[in-house]
Amino acid sequence: SYCCQWSGCCKHFKQRQKLERHMKSHSCYKGFQCSLCSKCFSTSDILHQHKR
């Protein structure tokens, strides 16, 4: 069994591929993440607007 190592997540998977797909839910794929709330944005301009 494959276990998610993310802090606070207790999910287990029988297949490594399913764990890898699940891990994507824990990370920021848009590239620009707010250091205050962890929300993700596609451009630095949008992130900057959000921080105001």
N, C-alpha and C. Protein backbone atom coordinates (compact mmCIF):
# COMPACT_ATOMS: atom_id res chain seq x y z
N SER A 1 0.84 -1.18 0.00
CA SER A 1 0.00 0.00 0.00
C SER A 1 0.89 1.24 0.00
N TYR A 2 0.42 2.30 -0.65
CA TYR A 2 1.15 3.56 -0.74
C TYR A 2 0.43 4.60 0.11
N CYS A 3 1.17 5.25 1.00
CA CYS A 3 0.59 6.21 1.92
C CYS A 3 0.99 7.63 1.55
N CYS A 4 0.04 8.53 1.65
CA CYS A 4 0.32 9.95 1.44
C CYS A 4 1.13 10.46 2.63
N GLN A 5 2.25 11.10 2.36
CA GLN A 5 3.13 11.61 3.41
C GLN A 5 2.84 13.06 3.78
N TRP A 6 1.83 13.66 3.15
CA TRP A 6 1.49 15.06 3.42
C TRP A 6 1.00 15.18 4.87
N SER A 7 1.46 16.19 5.56
CA SER A 7 1.09 16.39 6.96
C SER A 7 -0.42 16.49 7.13
N GLY A 8 -0.99 15.65 7.97
CA GLY A 8 -2.42 15.67 8.24
C GLY A 8 -3.26 14.85 7.28
N CYS A 9 -2.65 14.26 6.26
CA CYS A 9 -3.40 13.45 5.30
C CYS A 9 -3.12 11.97 5.58
N CYS A 10 -4.16 11.19 5.71
CA CYS A 10 -4.02 9.78 6.07
C CYS A 10 -4.44 8.83 4.95
N LYS A 11 -4.48 9.32 3.71
CA LYS A 11 -4.99 8.49 2.61
C LYS A 11 -3.97 7.43 2.20
N HIS A 12 -4.50 6.26 1.83
CA HIS A 12 -3.70 5.13 1.36
C HIS A 12 -4.21 4.70 -0.01
N PHE A 13 -3.30 4.20 -0.84
CA PHE A 13 -3.64 3.79 -2.19
C PHE A 13 -2.98 2.46 -2.51
N LYS A 14 -3.65 1.66 -3.30
CA LYS A 14 -3.10 0.37 -3.71
C LYS A 14 -2.12 0.52 -4.87
N GLN A 15 -2.29 1.59 -5.64
CA GLN A 15 -1.43 1.82 -6.81
C GLN A 15 -0.64 3.12 -6.64
N ARG A 16 0.64 3.08 -7.00
CA ARG A 16 1.51 4.26 -6.90
C ARG A 16 0.98 5.41 -7.75
N GLN A 17 0.44 5.08 -8.94
CA GLN A 17 -0.07 6.12 -9.83
C GLN A 17 -1.21 6.91 -9.19
N LYS A 18 -2.05 6.21 -8.43
CA LYS A 18 -3.17 6.88 -7.77
C LYS A 18 -2.66 7.80 -6.65
N LEU A 19 -1.61 7.38 -5.96
CA LEU A 19 -1.00 8.24 -4.95
C LEU A 19 -0.41 9.48 -5.62
N GLU A 20 0.28 9.30 -6.74
CA GLU A 20 0.89 10.43 -7.45
C GLU A 20 -0.18 11.42 -7.90
N ARG A 21 -1.30 10.92 -8.40
CA ARG A 21 -2.39 11.79 -8.83
C ARG A 21 -2.96 12.54 -7.61
N HIS A 22 -3.11 11.83 -6.50
CA HIS A 22 -3.61 12.44 -5.28
C HIS A 22 -2.66 13.55 -4.78
N MET A 23 -1.36 13.33 -4.87
CA MET A 23 -0.38 14.30 -4.39
C MET A 23 -0.52 15.64 -5.11
N LYS A 24 -0.99 15.61 -6.34
CA LYS A 24 -1.19 16.86 -7.08
C LYS A 24 -2.22 17.75 -6.39
N SER A 25 -3.13 17.15 -5.65
CA SER A 25 -4.14 17.95 -4.96
C SER A 25 -3.54 18.75 -3.80
N HIS A 26 -2.34 18.36 -3.37
CA HIS A 26 -1.69 19.06 -2.26
C HIS A 26 -0.75 20.17 -2.73
N SER A 27 -0.49 20.26 -4.02
CA SER A 27 0.50 21.24 -4.45
C SER A 27 -0.08 22.32 -5.34
N CYS A 28 0.68 23.37 -5.52
CA CYS A 28 0.24 24.54 -6.27
C CYS A 28 0.76 24.44 -7.70
N TYR A 29 -0.10 24.17 -8.67
CA TYR A 29 0.33 24.00 -10.05
C TYR A 29 0.24 25.26 -10.89
N LYS A 30 -0.37 26.30 -10.39
CA LYS A 30 -0.50 27.52 -11.18
C LYS A 30 0.79 28.34 -11.14
N GLY A 31 1.68 28.06 -10.23
CA GLY A 31 2.99 28.68 -10.24
C GLY A 31 3.21 29.83 -9.27
N PHE A 32 2.17 30.54 -8.86
CA PHE A 32 2.33 31.69 -7.97
C PHE A 32 1.42 31.51 -6.77
N GLN A 33 2.04 31.24 -5.62
CA GLN A 33 1.27 30.93 -4.42
C GLN A 33 1.40 32.05 -3.39
N CYS A 34 0.29 32.43 -2.81
CA CYS A 34 0.26 33.46 -1.78
C CYS A 34 0.89 32.91 -0.50
N SER A 35 1.83 33.67 0.06
CA SER A 35 2.50 33.24 1.29
C SER A 35 1.62 33.41 2.52
N LEU A 36 0.52 34.15 2.37
CA LEU A 36 -0.37 34.39 3.51
C LEU A 36 -1.48 33.36 3.63
N CYS A 37 -2.06 32.95 2.47
CA CYS A 37 -3.22 32.05 2.54
C CYS A 37 -3.05 30.77 1.71
N SER A 38 -1.94 30.64 0.98
CA SER A 38 -1.63 29.47 0.15
C SER A 38 -2.47 29.34 -1.11
N LYS A 39 -3.29 30.33 -1.42
CA LYS A 39 -4.07 30.32 -2.66
C LYS A 39 -3.11 30.44 -3.85
N CYS A 40 -3.46 29.84 -4.99
CA CYS A 40 -2.58 29.83 -6.15
C CYS A 40 -3.14 30.67 -7.29
N PHE A 41 -2.22 31.27 -8.05
CA PHE A 41 -2.60 32.14 -9.16
C PHE A 41 -1.73 31.85 -10.37
N SER A 42 -2.26 32.15 -11.56
CA SER A 42 -1.56 31.82 -12.80
C SER A 42 -0.51 32.86 -13.18
N THR A 43 -0.60 34.08 -12.66
CA THR A 43 0.41 35.10 -12.98
C THR A 43 0.81 35.85 -11.71
N SER A 44 1.99 36.46 -11.76
CA SER A 44 2.45 37.23 -10.60
C SER A 44 1.61 38.49 -10.41
N ASP A 45 1.08 39.04 -11.51
CA ASP A 45 0.23 40.24 -11.42
C ASP A 45 -1.04 39.94 -10.62
N ILE A 46 -1.67 38.82 -10.91
CA ILE A 46 -2.89 38.44 -10.20
C ILE A 46 -2.58 38.18 -8.72
N LEU A 47 -1.45 37.54 -8.46
CA LEU A 47 -1.04 37.31 -7.07
C LEU A 47 -0.84 38.65 -6.36
N HIS A 48 -0.19 39.59 -7.03
CA HIS A 48 0.06 40.91 -6.44
C HIS A 48 -1.26 41.62 -6.12
N GLN A 49 -2.22 41.55 -7.03
CA GLN A 49 -3.55 42.15 -6.80
C GLN A 49 -4.22 41.51 -5.59
N HIS A 50 -4.10 40.19 -5.51
CA HIS A 50 -4.70 39.44 -4.40
C HIS A 50 -4.12 39.91 -3.06
N LYS A 51 -2.82 40.15 -3.01
CA LYS A 51 -2.17 40.53 -1.76
C LYS A 51 -2.57 41.93 -1.29
N ARG A 52 -3.05 42.77 -2.20
CA ARG A 52 -3.50 44.12 -1.80
C ARG A 52 -4.75 43.97 -0.99
